[in-house]
């Protein structure tokens, strides 16, 4: 995906179209590198996302929900002090670079109007967001502070004069006319023109190879992707300047660039935010999981070692039977196995008597025999823990950000992490599961962590309702609330189960289903673990759009 200067140009125009003249009503910083400004414009609240993420830096309108942290950051406190209720006067782009300025006017405590500028620099790991006093040109605050020792070019601390990033001295393609690009490669284009990324330059080079000019290309750009282009109000994912996301020729069409970005970054940003919140937890679980897998390997080796147990019993039995033939001090003896008449060579301890050698093999036999129940018990316990931890880690790949707290609570209840001190703000009592409804009107509930899975399957659901779970892979428990499901509802419930599982990105996912009365939970089993028999299996493809359509508001 290329969020280059060309795409920024179109996005700035879209933001002006929807947000210019609006008033900032709310300021949040849900994550370390991301800012959400709620702007009231044209009698509608819109969320403006400003991201300085090292991989997903961007500016857009977003429809995704964000939770407000209990404690605001220093940067948010500065923004609230200066630009709460500010009027959005304009969005501007620096030439064709990925630098966007938002001009704001706001009243202070005395009612005097002051001018400020929010600057978003989209520059990979150097991305940043600044609040600047437009009258003095000084930085009031910024989302990433950098000490002078780590940045000699310009000051990146509150109170410093704001200085633009280093100029690249390239040509703004929007300010050129009748440029001759014959023979230029994609690399040459990027070297000469400002704000043209890999995808855009490759597309432009292809146009040039077919005899097109830069003016032709810019006209095509205006017609294909620019929000104000005449006779076109759609934006295409898969066409310049957005890279193809798969190998198919399918083009997905979105009514706005912001909706396109919401779709493109949906899983990428979600997984990154979850990782930010759970990094220490997943690290700890990873260590435990690694130890458990090593233990399972050793226990299996110990269990395999017991295969010689019967041989030791046979040796003791033969030595006892033929004891008169054994000479004291011998290191081995060959005897006839009277069960199959084969010759067996048995090692002996020369220092032991014949009787002690026989007892030594019996002792080895009894030791291995007695160890088997303990090994099997430990193997079952450890294997169950491996499966449980893998299910928890897998759930972090498909749950939404608001479901992470439930997983953390589950790990606290299970004793894997310590309970933190209670915050002053009390947690709301959350509803168990997430609700859906099939196209034929049958209700569905999905567990979003193992505790919810247990509650739904073993306590809250009726025994004649149907239970769905992806086969042999970590995933959510899905309850179809009917005793007589139609084929459409079965397929849709299975699709939801496949989507809320580790197999989300696969195709032809096998999903087991059966009535809940055939499911039971073993005593002492980990949360979410159940056993069942008599299930049917259906193959489905996870479908994000279908799941979204079936989700109840």
Protein backbone atom coordinates (compact mmCIF):
# COMPACT_ATOMS: atom_id res chain seq x y z
CA UNK A 1 0.00 0.00 0.00
CA UNK A 2 1.46 3.34 -1.01
CA UNK A 3 0.29 6.38 0.95
CA UNK A 4 2.43 8.68 -1.17
CA UNK A 5 2.16 12.37 -2.00
CA UNK A 6 -0.36 11.71 -4.77
CA UNK A 7 -2.67 9.87 -2.40
CA UNK A 8 -2.12 12.58 0.23
CA UNK A 9 -3.18 15.17 -2.36
CA UNK A 10 -6.50 13.38 -2.87
CA UNK A 11 -7.00 12.79 0.85
CA UNK A 12 -6.48 16.49 1.69
CA UNK A 13 -9.18 17.37 -0.80
CA UNK A 14 -11.53 14.79 0.76
CA UNK A 15 -10.87 16.13 4.26
CA UNK A 16 -11.58 19.69 3.13
CA UNK A 17 -14.79 18.53 1.53
CA UNK A 18 -16.10 16.89 4.71
CA UNK A 19 -14.44 18.68 7.64
CA UNK A 20 -13.55 22.26 6.65
CA UNK A 21 -15.58 24.67 8.76
CA UNK A 22 -16.27 22.04 11.41
CA UNK A 23 -15.62 22.35 15.13
CA UNK A 24 -13.43 20.04 17.22
CA UNK A 25 -15.64 18.58 19.97
CA UNK A 26 -13.46 15.80 21.37
CA UNK A 27 -9.76 14.90 21.49
CA UNK A 28 -8.46 11.40 22.29
CA UNK A 29 -5.20 9.50 22.06
CA UNK A 30 -6.29 5.85 22.17
CA UNK A 31 -2.79 4.57 21.33
CA UNK A 32 0.74 5.85 21.62
CA UNK A 33 1.07 7.02 18.01
CA UNK A 34 -2.53 7.79 17.11
CA UNK A 35 -4.77 10.76 17.71
CA UNK A 36 -8.54 10.98 17.22
CA UNK A 37 -10.23 14.37 16.75
CA UNK A 38 -14.02 14.28 16.71
CA UNK A 39 -15.11 17.06 14.37
CA UNK A 40 -18.69 18.30 14.22
CA UNK A 41 -19.35 19.31 10.61
CA UNK A 42 -22.55 19.61 8.58
CA UNK A 43 -24.55 18.43 11.62
CA UNK A 44 -22.57 15.19 11.77
CA UNK A 45 -19.76 13.99 14.04
CA UNK A 46 -16.79 12.52 12.20
CA UNK A 47 -13.63 10.98 13.64
CA UNK A 48 -10.43 12.34 12.16
CA UNK A 49 -7.57 9.88 12.63
CA UNK A 50 -4.04 11.32 12.70
CA UNK A 51 -1.46 8.54 12.87
CA UNK A 52 2.29 8.78 13.39
CA UNK A 53 2.68 5.01 13.45
CA UNK A 54 6.05 3.91 11.99
CA UNK A 55 4.33 1.48 9.59
CA UNK A 56 0.76 2.80 9.23
CA UNK A 57 1.18 6.59 9.39
CA UNK A 58 -1.73 8.35 7.71
CA UNK A 59 -4.52 10.91 8.02
CA UNK A 60 -8.14 9.96 7.31
CA UNK A 61 -11.72 9.99 8.50
CA UNK A 62 -12.46 6.73 10.28
CA UNK A 63 -15.59 4.86 11.29
CA UNK A 64 -13.73 2.46 13.57
CA UNK A 65 -14.59 2.63 17.30
CA UNK A 66 -11.92 3.78 19.75
CA UNK A 67 -11.94 3.57 23.54
CA UNK A 68 -10.94 6.66 25.52
CA UNK A 69 -8.01 5.84 27.86
CA UNK A 70 -8.62 6.41 31.57
CA UNK A 71 -5.64 8.76 31.81
CA UNK A 72 -5.00 11.28 29.01
CA UNK A 73 -1.44 11.75 27.74
CA UNK A 74 0.54 14.98 28.10
CA UNK A 75 0.06 15.66 24.40
CA UNK A 76 -3.71 15.28 24.65
CA UNK A 77 -3.79 17.61 27.66
CA UNK A 78 -1.94 20.24 25.59
CA UNK A 79 -4.31 19.82 22.66
CA UNK A 80 -7.36 20.09 24.91
CA UNK A 81 -5.99 23.24 26.45
CA UNK A 82 -5.44 25.04 23.16
CA UNK A 83 -7.76 23.64 20.47
CA UNK A 84 -10.87 22.26 22.18
CA UNK A 85 -13.82 23.78 20.27
CA UNK A 86 -11.44 25.09 17.60
CA UNK A 87 -12.76 25.73 14.10
CA UNK A 88 -11.13 23.75 11.27
CA UNK A 89 -10.30 26.40 8.69
CA UNK A 90 -8.35 24.43 6.11
CA UNK A 91 -6.36 21.31 5.27
CA UNK A 92 -3.16 21.97 3.31
CA UNK A 93 -0.50 19.78 1.73
CA UNK A 94 3.14 20.82 1.53
CA UNK A 95 3.67 20.80 -2.27
CA UNK A 96 3.18 17.12 -3.13
CA UNK A 97 4.89 15.82 -0.01
CA UNK A 98 3.34 13.70 2.74
CA UNK A 99 3.06 16.65 5.10
CA UNK A 100 -0.46 17.80 5.96
CA UNK A 101 -1.26 21.01 7.86
CA UNK A 102 -4.61 21.66 9.56
CA UNK A 103 -5.25 25.36 10.18
CA UNK A 104 -7.31 26.01 13.31
CA UNK A 105 -8.72 29.03 15.10
CA UNK A 106 -9.69 28.86 18.76
CA UNK A 107 -10.66 31.18 21.61
CA UNK A 108 -8.69 31.34 24.82
CA UNK A 109 -10.10 31.85 28.33
CA UNK A 110 -10.48 35.59 27.69
CA UNK A 111 -12.33 35.08 24.43
CA UNK A 112 -9.44 36.18 22.23
CA UNK A 113 -9.07 34.25 18.96
CA UNK A 114 -5.71 32.61 18.28
CA UNK A 115 -4.47 30.62 15.29
CA UNK A 116 -2.85 27.19 15.52
CA UNK A 117 -1.67 24.57 13.05
CA UNK A 118 -1.65 20.81 13.47
CA UNK A 119 1.06 19.34 11.25
CA UNK A 120 1.13 15.63 10.40
CA UNK A 121 4.41 14.43 8.89
CA UNK A 122 4.03 10.99 7.30
CA UNK A 123 7.61 9.77 7.18
CA UNK A 124 7.71 6.10 8.26
CA UNK A 125 9.49 5.77 11.62
CA UNK A 126 10.12 9.53 11.69
CA UNK A 127 6.38 10.31 11.43
CA UNK A 128 5.16 12.91 13.90
CA UNK A 129 2.26 15.17 14.84
CA UNK A 130 2.86 18.76 15.94
CA UNK A 131 0.71 21.49 17.49
CA UNK A 132 2.18 24.82 16.40
CA UNK A 133 1.39 28.36 17.44
CA UNK A 134 0.77 29.87 14.03
CA UNK A 135 1.52 33.39 15.28
CA UNK A 136 4.97 32.59 16.69
CA UNK A 137 5.89 29.51 14.65
CA UNK A 138 6.89 27.64 17.82
CA UNK A 139 6.03 24.07 18.72
CA UNK A 140 3.51 23.92 21.57
CA UNK A 141 3.71 20.14 21.82
CA UNK A 142 4.25 17.03 19.67
CA UNK A 143 3.36 13.37 19.89
CA UNK A 144 7.00 12.16 19.67
CA UNK A 145 9.58 14.24 21.48
CA UNK A 146 13.18 13.85 20.30
CA UNK A 147 16.20 15.17 22.19
CA UNK A 148 18.82 17.33 20.37
CA UNK A 149 21.36 14.53 20.80
CA UNK A 150 19.27 12.30 18.52
CA UNK A 151 18.34 14.98 15.99
CA UNK A 152 20.78 17.69 14.92
CA UNK A 153 18.76 19.03 11.97
CA UNK A 154 15.83 20.62 13.84
CA UNK A 155 14.36 20.96 17.28
CA UNK A 156 11.67 18.42 18.19
CA UNK A 157 10.75 19.60 21.67
CA UNK A 158 8.05 21.98 22.97
CA UNK A 159 9.21 25.57 22.64
CA UNK A 160 11.42 24.93 19.61
CA UNK A 161 10.81 26.79 16.35
CA UNK A 162 9.00 24.51 13.92
CA UNK A 163 11.19 23.72 10.95
CA UNK A 164 10.08 21.72 7.92
CA UNK A 165 11.69 18.33 7.22
CA UNK A 166 14.74 18.39 4.93
CA UNK A 167 13.76 19.44 1.39
CA UNK A 168 14.28 16.88 -1.37
CA UNK A 169 14.42 19.50 -4.15
CA UNK A 170 12.10 17.54 -6.42
CA UNK A 171 9.47 18.81 -8.83
CA UNK A 172 5.82 19.00 -7.79
CA UNK A 173 4.01 17.06 -10.56
CA UNK A 174 0.89 19.19 -10.07
CA UNK A 175 2.81 22.33 -11.03
CA UNK A 176 4.23 21.03 -14.32
CA UNK A 177 2.90 21.28 -17.86
CA UNK A 178 3.83 19.34 -21.01
CA UNK A 179 6.73 17.49 -19.38
CA UNK A 180 8.52 15.06 -21.71
CA UNK A 181 9.15 11.79 -19.82
CA UNK A 182 10.08 9.61 -22.80
CA UNK A 183 12.46 6.83 -21.80
CA UNK A 184 12.17 7.47 -18.06
CA UNK A 185 12.01 4.46 -15.77
CA UNK A 186 10.00 4.21 -12.55
CA UNK A 187 13.18 4.94 -10.56
CA UNK A 188 13.91 8.01 -12.71
CA UNK A 189 10.38 9.31 -12.09
CA UNK A 190 10.72 8.91 -8.32
CA UNK A 191 14.07 10.65 -8.43
CA UNK A 192 12.69 13.64 -10.34
CA UNK A 193 9.17 14.17 -9.00
CA UNK A 194 8.03 14.77 -5.43
CA UNK A 195 5.54 12.50 -3.69
CA UNK A 196 5.47 9.67 -6.22
CA UNK A 197 5.81 6.28 -4.57
CA UNK A 198 6.70 2.84 -5.93
CA UNK A 199 3.18 1.95 -7.08
CA UNK A 200 2.53 5.32 -8.67
CA UNK A 201 5.87 5.46 -10.46
CA UNK A 202 5.41 1.93 -11.82
CA UNK A 203 1.98 2.89 -13.17
CA UNK A 204 3.32 6.13 -14.65
CA UNK A 205 6.28 4.34 -16.29
CA UNK A 206 3.84 1.92 -17.90
CA UNK A 207 1.81 4.85 -19.22
CA UNK A 208 4.96 6.44 -20.69
CA UNK A 209 5.90 3.15 -22.37
CA UNK A 210 2.53 3.29 -24.15
CA UNK A 211 3.16 6.80 -25.42
CA UNK A 212 1.29 8.71 -22.70
CA UNK A 213 2.52 11.98 -21.19
CA UNK A 214 2.65 13.24 -17.63
CA UNK A 215 -0.35 15.45 -18.40
CA UNK A 216 -2.30 12.37 -19.57
CA UNK A 217 -1.38 10.59 -16.40
CA UNK A 218 -2.36 13.49 -14.15
CA UNK A 219 -5.66 13.81 -15.98
CA UNK A 220 -6.25 10.09 -15.47
CA UNK A 221 -5.36 10.48 -11.82
CA UNK A 222 -7.91 13.28 -11.45
CA UNK A 223 -10.58 11.17 -13.15
CA UNK A 224 -9.86 7.88 -11.37
CA UNK A 225 -9.14 8.70 -7.76
CA UNK A 226 -9.48 12.41 -6.99
CA UNK A 227 -12.49 12.96 -4.73
CA UNK A 228 -13.76 15.96 -6.70
CA UNK A 229 -13.33 14.40 -10.12
CA UNK A 230 -16.30 14.98 -12.40
CA UNK A 231 -18.73 12.12 -13.00
CA UNK A 232 -16.96 9.88 -10.50
CA UNK A 233 -17.54 9.42 -6.81
CA UNK A 234 -15.90 6.05 -6.25
CA UNK A 235 -12.36 5.12 -5.27
CA UNK A 236 -10.79 1.87 -6.35
CA UNK A 237 -8.70 -0.42 -4.21
CA UNK A 238 -6.22 -2.22 -6.42
CA UNK A 239 -5.64 0.67 -8.81
CA UNK A 240 -3.08 3.45 -8.58
CA UNK A 241 -1.91 4.61 -6.14
CA UNK A 242 -3.09 1.70 -4.03
CA UNK A 243 -1.19 -1.55 -4.56
CA UNK A 244 -3.02 -4.79 -5.27
CA UNK A 245 -3.69 -6.69 -2.04
CA UNK A 246 -3.95 -10.08 -3.75
CA UNK A 247 -3.21 -11.79 -7.02
CA UNK A 248 -6.73 -11.55 -8.41
CA UNK A 249 -7.91 -8.94 -10.88
CA UNK A 250 -10.91 -8.07 -8.70
CA UNK A 251 -11.24 -4.35 -7.94
CA UNK A 252 -13.04 -3.35 -4.75
CA UNK A 253 -14.87 -0.04 -4.98
CA UNK A 254 -15.36 2.32 -2.01
CA UNK A 255 -17.33 5.57 -1.77
CA UNK A 256 -14.41 7.44 -0.18
CA UNK A 257 -10.67 7.19 0.33
CA UNK A 258 -11.20 7.06 4.10
CA UNK A 259 -13.45 4.02 3.83
CA UNK A 260 -10.88 2.42 1.56
CA UNK A 261 -8.22 2.97 4.25
CA UNK A 262 -10.49 1.70 7.03
CA UNK A 263 -10.88 -1.53 5.09
CA UNK A 264 -7.20 -1.80 4.14
CA UNK A 265 -5.86 -1.17 7.65
CA UNK A 266 -8.65 -3.00 9.50
CA UNK A 267 -6.66 -6.10 10.48
CA UNK A 268 -3.19 -4.55 10.27
CA UNK A 269 -3.97 -1.73 12.69
CA UNK A 270 -6.10 -3.98 14.93
CA UNK A 271 -3.33 -6.53 15.37
CA UNK A 272 -0.77 -3.79 15.98
CA UNK A 273 -2.94 -2.15 18.67
CA UNK A 274 -3.58 -5.48 20.35
CA UNK A 275 0.16 -6.18 20.27
CA UNK A 276 0.84 -2.81 21.93
CA UNK A 277 -1.59 -3.62 24.74
CA UNK A 278 -0.54 -7.25 25.26
CA UNK A 279 3.18 -7.30 24.45
CA UNK A 280 4.27 -8.14 28.00
CA UNK A 281 1.47 -10.71 28.37
CA UNK A 282 2.23 -12.52 25.11
CA UNK A 283 5.94 -12.52 26.00
CA UNK A 284 5.18 -14.21 29.32
CA UNK A 285 2.80 -16.72 27.75
CA UNK A 286 5.38 -17.42 25.04
CA UNK A 287 7.98 -18.34 27.69
CA UNK A 288 5.51 -20.65 29.48
CA UNK A 289 4.46 -22.21 26.18
CA UNK A 290 8.07 -22.86 25.18
CA UNK A 291 8.76 -24.60 28.52
CA UNK A 292 5.57 -26.66 28.23
CA UNK A 293 6.40 -27.83 24.71
CA UNK A 294 9.86 -28.85 25.87
CA UNK A 295 8.28 -30.72 28.79
CA UNK A 296 5.85 -32.52 26.46
CA UNK A 297 8.78 -33.61 24.31
CA UNK A 298 10.66 -34.99 27.35
CA UNK A 299 7.56 -36.74 28.70
CA UNK A 300 6.98 -38.42 25.35
CA UNK A 301 10.60 -39.56 25.36
CA UNK A 302 10.10 -40.98 28.86
CA UNK A 303 6.90 -42.70 27.76
CA UNK A 304 8.67 -44.20 24.75
CA UNK A 305 11.43 -45.41 27.06
CA UNK A 306 8.88 -47.56 28.91
CA UNK A 307 8.57 -49.71 25.80
CA UNK A 308 11.52 -51.79 27.13
CA UNK A 309 9.54 -52.52 30.31
CA UNK A 310 8.20 -55.88 29.09
CA UNK A 311 11.67 -56.88 27.92
CA UNK A 312 13.04 -56.27 31.43
CA UNK A 313 10.24 -58.41 32.90
CA UNK A 314 11.08 -61.20 30.45
CA UNK A 315 14.80 -61.00 31.35
CA UNK A 316 14.01 -61.30 35.05
CA UNK A 317 11.69 -64.21 34.41
CA UNK A 318 14.25 -66.09 32.25
CA UNK A 319 17.08 -65.48 34.72
CA UNK A 320 14.92 -66.83 37.53
CA UNK A 321 13.93 -69.91 35.52
CA UNK A 322 17.49 -70.72 34.34
CA UNK A 323 19.31 -69.50 37.45
CA UNK A 324 21.25 -72.78 37.80
CA UNK A 325 22.86 -72.17 34.39
CA UNK A 326 24.25 -68.74 35.34
CA UNK A 327 27.86 -68.65 36.45
CA UNK A 328 28.79 -66.00 39.04
CA UNK A 329 30.97 -63.29 37.46
CA UNK A 330 29.55 -63.67 33.96
CA UNK A 331 28.86 -60.46 32.00
CA UNK A 332 26.16 -62.00 29.79
CA UNK A 333 24.24 -65.19 29.10
CA UNK A 334 22.24 -66.52 26.14
CA UNK A 335 19.01 -68.28 27.07
CA UNK A 336 16.04 -69.72 25.19
CA UNK A 337 12.85 -67.67 25.35
CA UNK A 338 10.32 -70.44 25.96
CA UNK A 339 7.48 -68.22 24.65
CA UNK A 340 8.79 -68.27 21.07
CA UNK A 341 11.86 -70.58 21.27
CA UNK A 342 14.20 -67.75 20.18
CA UNK A 343 17.64 -67.21 21.68
CA UNK A 344 17.95 -64.15 23.95
CA UNK A 345 21.26 -62.63 25.08
CA UNK A 346 20.97 -60.91 28.48
CA UNK A 347 23.59 -58.58 29.94
CA UNK A 348 24.63 -59.34 33.51
CA UNK A 349 26.41 -57.43 36.24
CA UNK A 350 29.47 -59.63 37.04
CA UNK A 351 29.49 -58.34 40.63
CA UNK A 352 25.90 -59.50 41.23
CA UNK A 353 24.76 -62.98 42.03
CA UNK A 354 22.38 -64.67 39.58
CA UNK A 355 19.49 -63.88 41.95
CA UNK A 356 20.47 -60.19 42.21
CA UNK A 357 20.73 -59.91 38.42
CA UNK A 358 17.18 -61.26 38.09
CA UNK A 359 15.92 -58.92 40.83
CA UNK A 360 17.68 -55.98 39.13
CA UNK A 361 15.63 -56.54 35.92
CA UNK A 362 12.42 -56.97 37.92
CA UNK A 363 13.20 -53.71 39.72
CA UNK A 364 13.69 -51.85 36.40
CA UNK A 365 10.43 -53.34 35.15
CA UNK A 366 8.46 -52.21 38.25
CA UNK A 367 10.02 -48.73 38.17
CA UNK A 368 8.98 -48.18 34.55
CA UNK A 369 5.56 -49.73 35.15
CA UNK A 370 4.93 -47.44 38.12
CA UNK A 371 6.12 -44.38 36.19
CA UNK A 372 3.63 -44.75 33.33
CA UNK A 373 0.52 -43.40 35.15
CA UNK A 374 2.51 -40.38 36.41
CA UNK A 375 4.03 -39.69 32.96
CA UNK A 376 0.62 -39.97 31.27
CA UNK A 377 -0.98 -37.70 33.87
CA UNK A 378 1.73 -35.05 33.45
CA UNK A 379 1.58 -35.41 29.68
CA UNK A 380 -2.18 -34.82 29.69
CA UNK A 381 -1.91 -31.80 32.03
CA UNK A 382 0.94 -30.22 30.06
CA UNK A 383 -0.64 -30.93 26.66
CA UNK A 384 -3.89 -29.35 27.83
CA UNK A 385 -1.97 -26.28 28.97
CA UNK A 386 -0.19 -26.05 25.61
CA UNK A 387 -3.53 -26.23 23.81
CA UNK A 388 -5.02 -23.63 26.15
CA UNK A 389 -2.15 -21.16 25.78
CA UNK A 390 -2.16 -21.60 22.01
CA UNK A 391 -5.90 -20.89 21.99
CA UNK A 392 -5.39 -17.69 24.01
CA UNK A 393 -2.57 -16.47 21.77
CA UNK A 394 -4.59 -17.40 18.68
CA UNK A 395 -7.61 -15.47 19.98
CA UNK A 396 -5.51 -12.29 20.00
CA UNK A 397 -5.26 -12.67 16.22
CA UNK A 398 -9.00 -12.49 15.60
CA UNK A 399 -10.66 -10.61 18.48
CA UNK A 400 -11.37 -6.88 18.40
CA UNK A 401 -9.40 -4.43 20.51
CA UNK A 402 -12.29 -4.00 22.98
CA UNK A 403 -12.22 -7.76 23.69
CA UNK A 404 -8.64 -7.75 25.00
CA UNK A 405 -9.71 -6.84 28.55
CA UNK A 406 -11.80 -10.02 28.70
CA UNK A 407 -8.80 -12.12 27.70
CA UNK A 408 -6.66 -10.39 30.33
CA UNK A 409 -9.32 -11.12 32.98
CA UNK A 410 -9.33 -14.74 31.85
CA UNK A 411 -5.54 -14.99 32.30
CA UNK A 412 -5.81 -13.38 35.74
CA UNK A 413 -8.50 -15.89 36.79
CA UNK A 414 -6.34 -18.72 35.45
CA UNK A 415 -3.32 -17.48 37.43
CA UNK A 416 -1.05 -16.71 34.47
CA UNK A 417 -0.72 -13.01 35.21
CA UNK A 418 -1.08 -11.02 38.40
CA UNK A 419 -4.06 -8.81 39.03
CA UNK A 420 -3.20 -5.13 38.86
CA UNK A 421 -4.40 -2.62 41.38
CA UNK A 422 -7.91 -1.43 40.76
CA UNK A 423 -8.24 1.84 38.89
CA UNK A 424 -10.42 4.56 40.26
CA UNK A 425 -12.71 4.07 37.28
CA UNK A 426 -14.89 0.99 37.70
CA UNK A 427 -15.20 -1.40 34.83
CA UNK A 428 -18.63 -1.78 33.33
CA UNK A 429 -20.18 -5.20 33.54
CA UNK A 430 -19.83 -6.54 30.02
CA UNK A 431 -22.43 -8.60 28.22
CA UNK A 432 -21.34 -12.15 27.53
CA UNK A 433 -20.57 -12.73 23.86
CA UNK A 434 -21.35 -10.87 20.66
CA UNK A 435 -24.71 -11.13 18.92
CA UNK A 436 -25.53 -11.88 15.29
CA UNK A 437 -28.66 -12.82 13.38
CA UNK A 438 -28.88 -15.05 10.32
CA UNK A 439 -30.64 -13.91 7.18
CA UNK A 440 -33.56 -16.13 8.19
CA UNK A 441 -33.78 -14.42 11.59
CA UNK A 442 -32.12 -16.98 13.89
CA UNK A 443 -30.06 -15.49 16.73
CA UNK A 444 -26.36 -16.33 17.10
CA UNK A 445 -24.00 -15.56 20.00
CA UNK A 446 -20.20 -15.76 19.76
CA UNK A 447 -17.80 -16.08 22.69
CA UNK A 448 -14.81 -13.74 22.43
CA UNK A 449 -12.57 -15.46 25.00
CA UNK A 450 -12.40 -18.84 26.74
CA UNK A 451 -14.32 -17.71 29.82
CA UNK A 452 -17.14 -16.47 27.60
CA UNK A 453 -16.98 -19.71 25.62
CA UNK A 454 -17.50 -21.69 28.84
CA UNK A 455 -20.34 -19.45 29.99
CA UNK A 456 -22.17 -19.62 26.66
CA UNK A 457 -21.76 -23.34 26.03
CA UNK A 458 -22.10 -24.81 29.51
CA UNK A 459 -24.39 -22.38 31.36
CA UNK A 460 -26.30 -19.85 29.27
CA UNK A 461 -27.41 -21.82 26.22
CA UNK A 462 -30.22 -24.32 25.91
CA UNK A 463 -29.29 -27.97 25.47
CA UNK A 464 -31.17 -28.28 22.18
CA UNK A 465 -29.39 -25.27 20.62
CA UNK A 466 -26.58 -25.88 18.16
CA UNK A 467 -22.87 -25.38 18.88
CA UNK A 468 -20.28 -24.58 16.19
CA UNK A 469 -16.48 -24.61 16.38
CA UNK A 470 -13.76 -24.78 13.74
CA UNK A 471 -12.33 -28.31 13.62
CA UNK A 472 -9.07 -28.95 15.55
CA UNK A 473 -8.07 -25.26 15.48
CA UNK A 474 -8.36 -22.57 18.21
CA UNK A 475 -11.48 -20.47 17.80
CA UNK A 476 -14.63 -19.08 19.37
CA UNK A 477 -17.66 -21.08 20.48
CA UNK A 478 -20.62 -20.11 18.31
CA UNK A 479 -24.18 -20.80 19.49
CA UNK A 480 -27.04 -21.00 16.97
CA UNK A 481 -30.15 -20.47 19.08
CA UNK A 482 -32.55 -22.94 17.53
CA UNK A 483 -33.32 -26.63 17.84
CA UNK A 484 -34.26 -26.96 14.16
CA UNK A 485 -31.81 -24.91 12.06
CA UNK A 486 -32.28 -24.35 8.34
CA UNK A 487 -29.39 -24.94 5.92
CA UNK A 488 -28.79 -21.21 5.41
CA UNK A 489 -28.46 -20.60 9.16
CA UNK A 490 -26.09 -23.56 9.54
CA UNK A 491 -23.85 -22.23 6.77
CA UNK A 492 -23.86 -18.70 8.20
CA UNK A 493 -23.16 -19.86 11.77
CA UNK A 494 -20.28 -22.00 10.47
CA UNK A 495 -18.94 -19.03 8.50
CA UNK A 496 -18.95 -16.93 11.68
CA UNK A 497 -17.15 -19.72 13.56
CA UNK A 498 -14.51 -19.92 10.82
CA UNK A 499 -14.08 -16.14 10.83
CA UNK A 500 -13.59 -15.99 14.61
CA UNK A 501 -10.80 -18.56 14.56
CA UNK A 502 -7.14 -18.93 13.69
CA UNK A 503 -8.29 -20.10 10.24
CA UNK A 504 -9.74 -16.67 9.41
CA UNK A 505 -7.45 -16.20 6.40
CA UNK A 506 -7.92 -19.74 5.05
CA UNK A 507 -10.48 -21.22 2.67
CA UNK A 508 -12.58 -24.38 2.86
CA UNK A 509 -12.41 -24.36 6.66
CA UNK A 510 -13.97 -27.46 8.34
CA UNK A 511 -16.41 -26.51 11.11
CA UNK A 512 -17.94 -29.05 13.52
CA UNK A 513 -21.49 -28.58 14.76
CA UNK A 514 -23.91 -30.50 17.00
CA UNK A 515 -26.49 -29.90 19.73
CA UNK A 516 -25.14 -28.68 23.05
CA UNK A 517 -26.59 -31.68 24.91
CA UNK A 518 -23.84 -33.80 23.34
CA UNK A 519 -21.06 -31.59 24.74
CA UNK A 520 -19.44 -31.99 28.15
CA UNK A 521 -16.56 -30.42 30.01
CA UNK A 522 -14.13 -32.70 31.89
CA UNK A 523 -13.52 -31.94 35.54
CA UNK A 524 -10.57 -29.59 35.97
CA UNK A 525 -10.33 -28.79 32.27
CA UNK A 526 -9.00 -25.41 31.16
CA UNK A 527 -11.50 -22.67 30.19
CA UNK A 528 -12.96 -23.22 26.74
CA UNK A 529 -12.05 -26.93 26.56
CA UNK A 530 -14.92 -29.34 25.89
CA UNK A 531 -15.31 -32.83 24.49
CA UNK A 532 -18.10 -34.10 22.26
CA UNK A 533 -19.13 -36.83 19.86
CA UNK A 534 -21.67 -37.28 17.06
CA UNK A 535 -20.81 -34.01 15.33
CA UNK A 536 -21.32 -33.13 11.69
CA UNK A 537 -18.75 -31.14 9.69
CA UNK A 538 -19.30 -28.44 7.07
CA UNK A 539 -16.72 -26.69 4.85
CA UNK A 540 -17.04 -22.89 4.61
CA UNK A 541 -14.99 -19.87 3.54
CA UNK A 542 -14.58 -17.11 6.18
CA UNK A 543 -16.36 -14.04 4.85
CA UNK A 544 -15.73 -10.66 6.53
CA UNK A 545 -18.55 -8.92 4.68
CA UNK A 546 -21.11 -11.59 5.56
CA UNK A 547 -20.07 -11.50 9.23
CA UNK A 548 -20.36 -7.70 9.26
CA UNK A 549 -23.80 -7.86 7.64
CA UNK A 550 -25.07 -10.41 10.17
CA UNK A 551 -23.74 -8.53 13.19
CA UNK A 552 -26.42 -6.89 15.30
CA UNK A 553 -25.93 -3.22 16.20
